[in-house]
Protein backbone atom coordinates (compact mmCIF):
# COMPACT_ATOMS: atom_id res chain seq x y z
CA MET A 1 120.64 74.74 120.84
CA LEU A 2 121.01 77.99 118.99
CA MET A 3 119.55 78.15 115.52
CA SER A 4 122.07 78.39 112.69
CA PHE A 5 122.54 81.73 110.95
CA ARG A 6 121.78 80.02 107.64
CA TYR A 7 118.32 79.00 108.81
CA PHE A 8 117.68 82.45 110.32
CA PHE A 9 118.51 84.14 107.04
CA PHE A 10 116.36 81.59 105.22
CA LEU A 11 113.38 82.67 107.30
CA VAL A 12 114.19 86.35 106.85
CA LEU A 13 114.30 85.78 103.10
CA CYS A 14 110.83 84.27 103.22
CA LEU A 15 109.57 87.24 105.20
CA LEU A 16 111.06 89.75 102.81
CA ILE A 17 109.77 87.93 99.76
CA LEU A 18 106.30 87.96 101.29
CA ASP A 19 106.13 91.66 100.42
CA SER A 20 105.58 90.24 96.98
CA GLY A 21 105.69 92.20 93.82
CA CYS A 22 107.80 93.75 91.19
CA ALA A 23 107.91 96.91 89.17
CA PRO A 24 105.14 97.06 86.54
CA LYS A 25 107.76 97.13 83.77
CA ARG A 26 109.58 94.14 85.26
CA VAL A 27 106.83 91.69 86.06
CA SER A 28 109.11 88.66 86.31
CA THR A 29 111.35 89.71 89.17
CA LEU A 30 110.67 90.36 92.83
CA SER A 31 111.57 93.81 94.11
CA VAL A 32 112.52 92.75 97.62
CA PRO A 33 115.78 92.65 99.58
CA SER A 34 117.82 89.46 99.41
CA THR A 35 119.20 87.77 102.53
CA ASN A 36 122.62 89.36 102.21
CA SER A 37 121.47 92.78 101.00
CA VAL A 38 121.12 94.44 104.38
CA SER A 39 124.28 95.39 106.22
CA SER A 40 125.91 98.38 107.81
CA ALA A 41 129.02 100.45 107.27
CA HIS A 42 130.80 103.45 108.70
CA TYR A 43 129.35 106.47 106.97
CA ILE A 44 130.93 109.89 107.26
CA THR A 45 128.53 112.76 107.88
CA GLY A 46 128.88 116.33 109.05
CA GLN A 47 128.49 115.02 112.60
CA GLY A 48 131.29 112.51 112.26
CA VAL A 49 131.38 108.77 111.61
CA ARG A 50 128.41 106.63 112.47
CA ASP A 51 127.04 103.29 111.43
CA LEU A 52 124.31 103.39 108.84
CA PRO A 53 122.56 100.35 107.42
CA TYR A 54 122.57 99.98 103.66
CA HIS A 55 120.78 97.90 101.07
CA ILE A 56 122.41 96.32 98.03
CA VAL A 57 120.14 96.56 94.99
CA SER A 58 118.98 93.27 93.50
CA GLU A 59 117.69 92.71 89.98
CA GLY A 60 114.23 94.15 89.38
CA GLU A 61 114.16 96.41 92.44
CA THR A 62 113.01 100.00 92.32
CA LEU A 63 114.05 102.74 94.70
CA TRP A 64 110.43 103.37 95.64
CA ARG A 65 109.93 99.74 96.62
CA ILE A 66 113.15 99.61 98.61
CA CYS A 67 112.10 102.70 100.59
CA LYS A 68 108.66 101.21 101.18
CA ASN A 69 110.14 97.94 102.45
CA TYR A 70 112.29 99.76 105.01
CA GLY A 71 109.72 102.42 105.88
CA VAL A 72 111.98 105.34 105.00
CA SER A 73 111.41 108.52 103.02
CA MET A 74 112.39 108.26 99.37
CA ILE A 75 113.31 111.95 99.39
CA ASP A 76 115.69 111.39 102.30
CA VAL A 77 117.25 108.39 100.56
CA VAL A 78 117.79 110.36 97.36
CA ARG A 79 119.46 113.19 99.27
CA LEU A 80 121.59 110.90 101.42
CA ASN A 81 122.90 108.94 98.45
CA ASN A 82 123.12 111.85 96.00
CA ILE A 83 120.95 109.99 93.51
CA SER A 84 120.38 112.13 90.41
CA ASP A 85 117.79 109.84 88.79
CA PRO A 86 115.62 107.87 91.26
CA SER A 87 114.14 105.82 88.41
CA ASN A 88 117.56 104.52 87.40
CA ILE A 89 119.39 102.47 90.02
CA GLU A 90 121.76 99.63 89.23
CA VAL A 91 122.06 96.05 90.42
CA GLY A 92 124.73 95.87 93.11
CA GLN A 93 124.41 99.55 93.99
CA LYS A 94 124.73 100.32 97.70
CA ILE A 95 121.82 102.40 99.05
CA TYR A 96 122.36 103.93 102.49
CA LEU A 97 119.26 104.17 104.65
CA PRO A 98 118.55 107.36 106.63
CA ILE A 99 118.15 105.86 110.07
CA THR A 100 119.18 108.00 113.02
CA PRO A 101 121.26 106.56 115.91
CA SER A 102 118.16 106.63 118.09
CA SER A 103 116.12 104.59 115.64
CA LYS A 104 115.55 100.98 116.54
CA SER A 105 115.23 98.27 113.94
CA PRO A 106 112.52 95.70 114.61
CA THR A 107 113.79 92.46 116.11
CA LEU A 108 112.55 89.36 114.36
CA ARG A 109 112.03 86.45 116.72
CA VAL A 110 112.11 83.12 114.94
CA ALA A 111 112.05 79.53 116.12
CA GLY A 112 114.26 76.66 115.00
CA ARG A 113 113.28 74.38 112.13
CA TYR A 114 110.82 71.50 112.40
CA SER A 115 112.30 68.02 112.13
CA GLY A 116 109.30 65.79 112.84
CA PRO A 117 106.98 63.86 110.53
CA THR A 118 104.51 65.62 108.26
CA GLU A 119 101.93 64.74 105.63
CA LYS A 120 102.67 64.58 101.90
CA THR A 121 99.70 66.73 100.88
CA PHE A 122 98.49 70.20 101.79
CA SER A 123 94.97 71.19 102.79
CA TRP A 124 93.45 74.63 102.26
CA PRO A 125 94.32 77.08 105.06
CA VAL A 126 90.82 78.55 104.94
CA LYS A 127 87.57 77.78 103.19
CA GLY A 128 86.57 80.34 100.63
CA GLN A 129 87.01 81.71 97.12
CA VAL A 130 90.32 82.55 95.50
CA VAL A 131 90.16 86.22 94.54
CA LEU A 132 93.76 86.64 93.35
CA PHE A 133 95.80 83.85 91.80
CA TYR A 134 99.50 83.14 91.79
CA GLY A 135 101.28 85.34 89.25
CA GLN A 136 98.42 87.79 88.80
CA CYS A 137 99.07 91.51 89.11
CA LYS A 138 97.48 93.76 91.68
CA ASP A 139 98.18 97.50 91.85
CA GLY A 140 101.14 96.95 89.53
CA TRP A 141 102.71 94.16 91.62
CA VAL A 142 102.88 90.44 90.95
CA ASN A 143 101.26 88.15 93.50
CA LYS A 144 103.56 85.35 94.69
CA GLY A 145 100.83 83.45 96.48
CA ILE A 146 97.04 83.26 96.39
CA GLU A 147 94.47 85.38 98.17
CA ILE A 148 91.39 83.71 99.54
CA ARG A 149 88.22 85.44 100.72
CA GLY A 150 87.45 83.32 103.74
CA SER A 151 83.96 81.95 104.23
CA ASP A 152 84.92 80.49 107.59
CA SER A 153 86.13 82.08 110.82
CA LYS A 154 88.96 79.57 111.17
CA VAL A 155 92.36 79.54 109.49
CA VAL A 156 94.19 76.24 109.84
CA SER A 157 97.64 74.82 109.29
CA PRO A 158 97.86 73.28 105.78
CA LYS A 159 99.82 70.37 107.25
CA THR A 160 101.86 69.44 110.29
CA GLY A 161 104.80 71.67 111.14
CA LYS A 162 106.24 74.22 113.54
CA VAL A 163 105.38 77.90 113.96
CA VAL A 164 108.75 79.50 113.21
CA PHE A 165 107.53 83.10 112.91
CA ILE A 166 104.48 84.99 114.09
CA GLY A 167 104.04 88.74 114.13
CA ASN A 168 102.67 91.93 112.60
CA GLU A 169 105.95 93.39 111.27
CA LEU A 170 104.95 93.16 107.59
CA ARG A 171 102.93 96.25 106.73
CA GLY A 172 99.62 95.69 105.02
CA TYR A 173 99.43 91.98 105.79
CA GLY A 174 98.14 92.00 109.35
CA LEU A 175 99.07 88.93 111.34
CA THR A 176 101.69 86.77 109.60
CA ILE A 177 102.31 83.15 110.57
CA MET A 178 105.07 81.01 109.07
CA ILE A 179 104.98 77.24 109.49
CA ASP A 180 108.01 75.07 108.71
CA HIS A 181 106.82 71.66 107.57
CA GLY A 182 110.26 70.08 107.85
CA ASP A 183 110.41 68.88 104.24
CA GLY A 184 111.74 72.02 102.58
CA PHE A 185 108.32 73.65 102.49
CA ILE A 186 107.24 76.67 104.52
CA SER A 187 103.68 77.98 104.58
CA VAL A 188 103.24 81.73 104.97
CA ILE A 189 99.74 82.76 106.02
CA ALA A 190 98.75 86.38 106.56
CA GLY A 191 95.57 88.33 107.24
CA MET A 192 93.70 90.48 109.71
CA GLY A 193 92.94 88.10 112.53
CA GLN A 194 93.79 86.85 116.00
CA LYS A 195 96.37 84.15 116.61
CA THR A 196 95.52 80.92 118.40
CA VAL A 197 99.09 79.59 118.42
CA ASN A 198 102.45 80.86 119.65
CA LEU A 199 106.00 80.96 118.36
CA GLY A 200 107.59 77.51 118.56
CA ASP A 201 104.31 75.58 118.72
CA VAL A 202 104.12 72.33 116.76
CA VAL A 203 100.78 72.34 114.95
CA LYS A 204 98.92 69.49 113.35
CA LYS A 205 97.38 69.51 109.89
CA GLY A 206 93.98 71.20 110.17
CA GLN A 207 94.71 72.77 113.55
CA VAL A 208 93.31 76.29 113.96
CA ILE A 209 96.08 78.89 113.95
CA MET A 210 94.08 82.09 113.45
CA LYS A 211 90.54 83.37 113.96
CA ILE A 212 89.14 85.83 111.41
CA ALA A 213 85.96 87.75 110.68
CA PRO A 214 83.76 86.55 107.79
CA TYR A 215 84.99 87.44 104.29
CA THR A 216 88.47 88.39 105.51
CA ILE A 217 91.11 88.10 102.77
CA ILE A 218 93.83 85.60 103.63
CA HIS A 219 97.14 85.70 101.78
CA TYR A 220 98.76 82.28 101.43
CA GLU A 221 102.23 81.62 100.08
CA LEU A 222 103.97 78.29 99.80
CA ARG A 223 107.74 78.40 99.61
CA LYS A 224 110.06 75.53 98.74
CA ASN A 225 113.66 76.20 99.76
CA ALA A 226 112.79 79.93 99.99
CA GLN A 227 111.43 80.01 96.43
CA SER A 228 107.74 80.69 95.84
CA VAL A 229 105.66 78.00 94.18
CA ASN A 230 102.05 78.00 93.07
CA PRO A 231 100.03 76.74 96.06
CA LEU A 232 97.25 75.48 93.81
CA ARG A 233 99.58 72.77 92.53
CA TYR A 234 99.83 71.33 96.04
CA LEU A 235 96.48 72.02 97.72
CA ASN A 236 93.79 69.38 97.72
């Protein structure tokens, strides 16, 4: 059975929010695309009409962060959109992205939701010391999860669920694994390591999902209905 578009966009939202952070002057709002912010439209250029994707600005976003998320040149974006002041963009503003017809957008492969039983409590995904807490700033951006310096070579599933995304598409995070626990919670675990599970696998609580080198930093986010929550309130 094909997965519903609603669930697909829910997962994409989680992935986009994983690039957590916000502008230093706006530390309460994520500067990431929303689920309905990416689209395409006919755009007239000197070479005729072609389809260009665009991004609709959400509250708290900066042009620099938008360009970083999409991997495009900020200079090209400014020129394409005739932006006179890159530091002043408005909520709801449509930002065209300079992607050529030959460019290929990455395809996100996701699995359907988990509907089986799961535990009520979460275990730690890796043994180690928390080096960055939920809500703390790093390099001017707010952390929406926790970062753990692993003292073990094994990263495990915090509780039973299904691997609904696995890949290296998020820059700077290494391998990213998302586990749907079937109760509204999704665990997002990222770090430089090697996977031991595959897309669509049902994993048990404590099952190894990734192998890492000693002292590797693991980023862990817990999302409830696509909204980040402090993992430390749930881990035991």
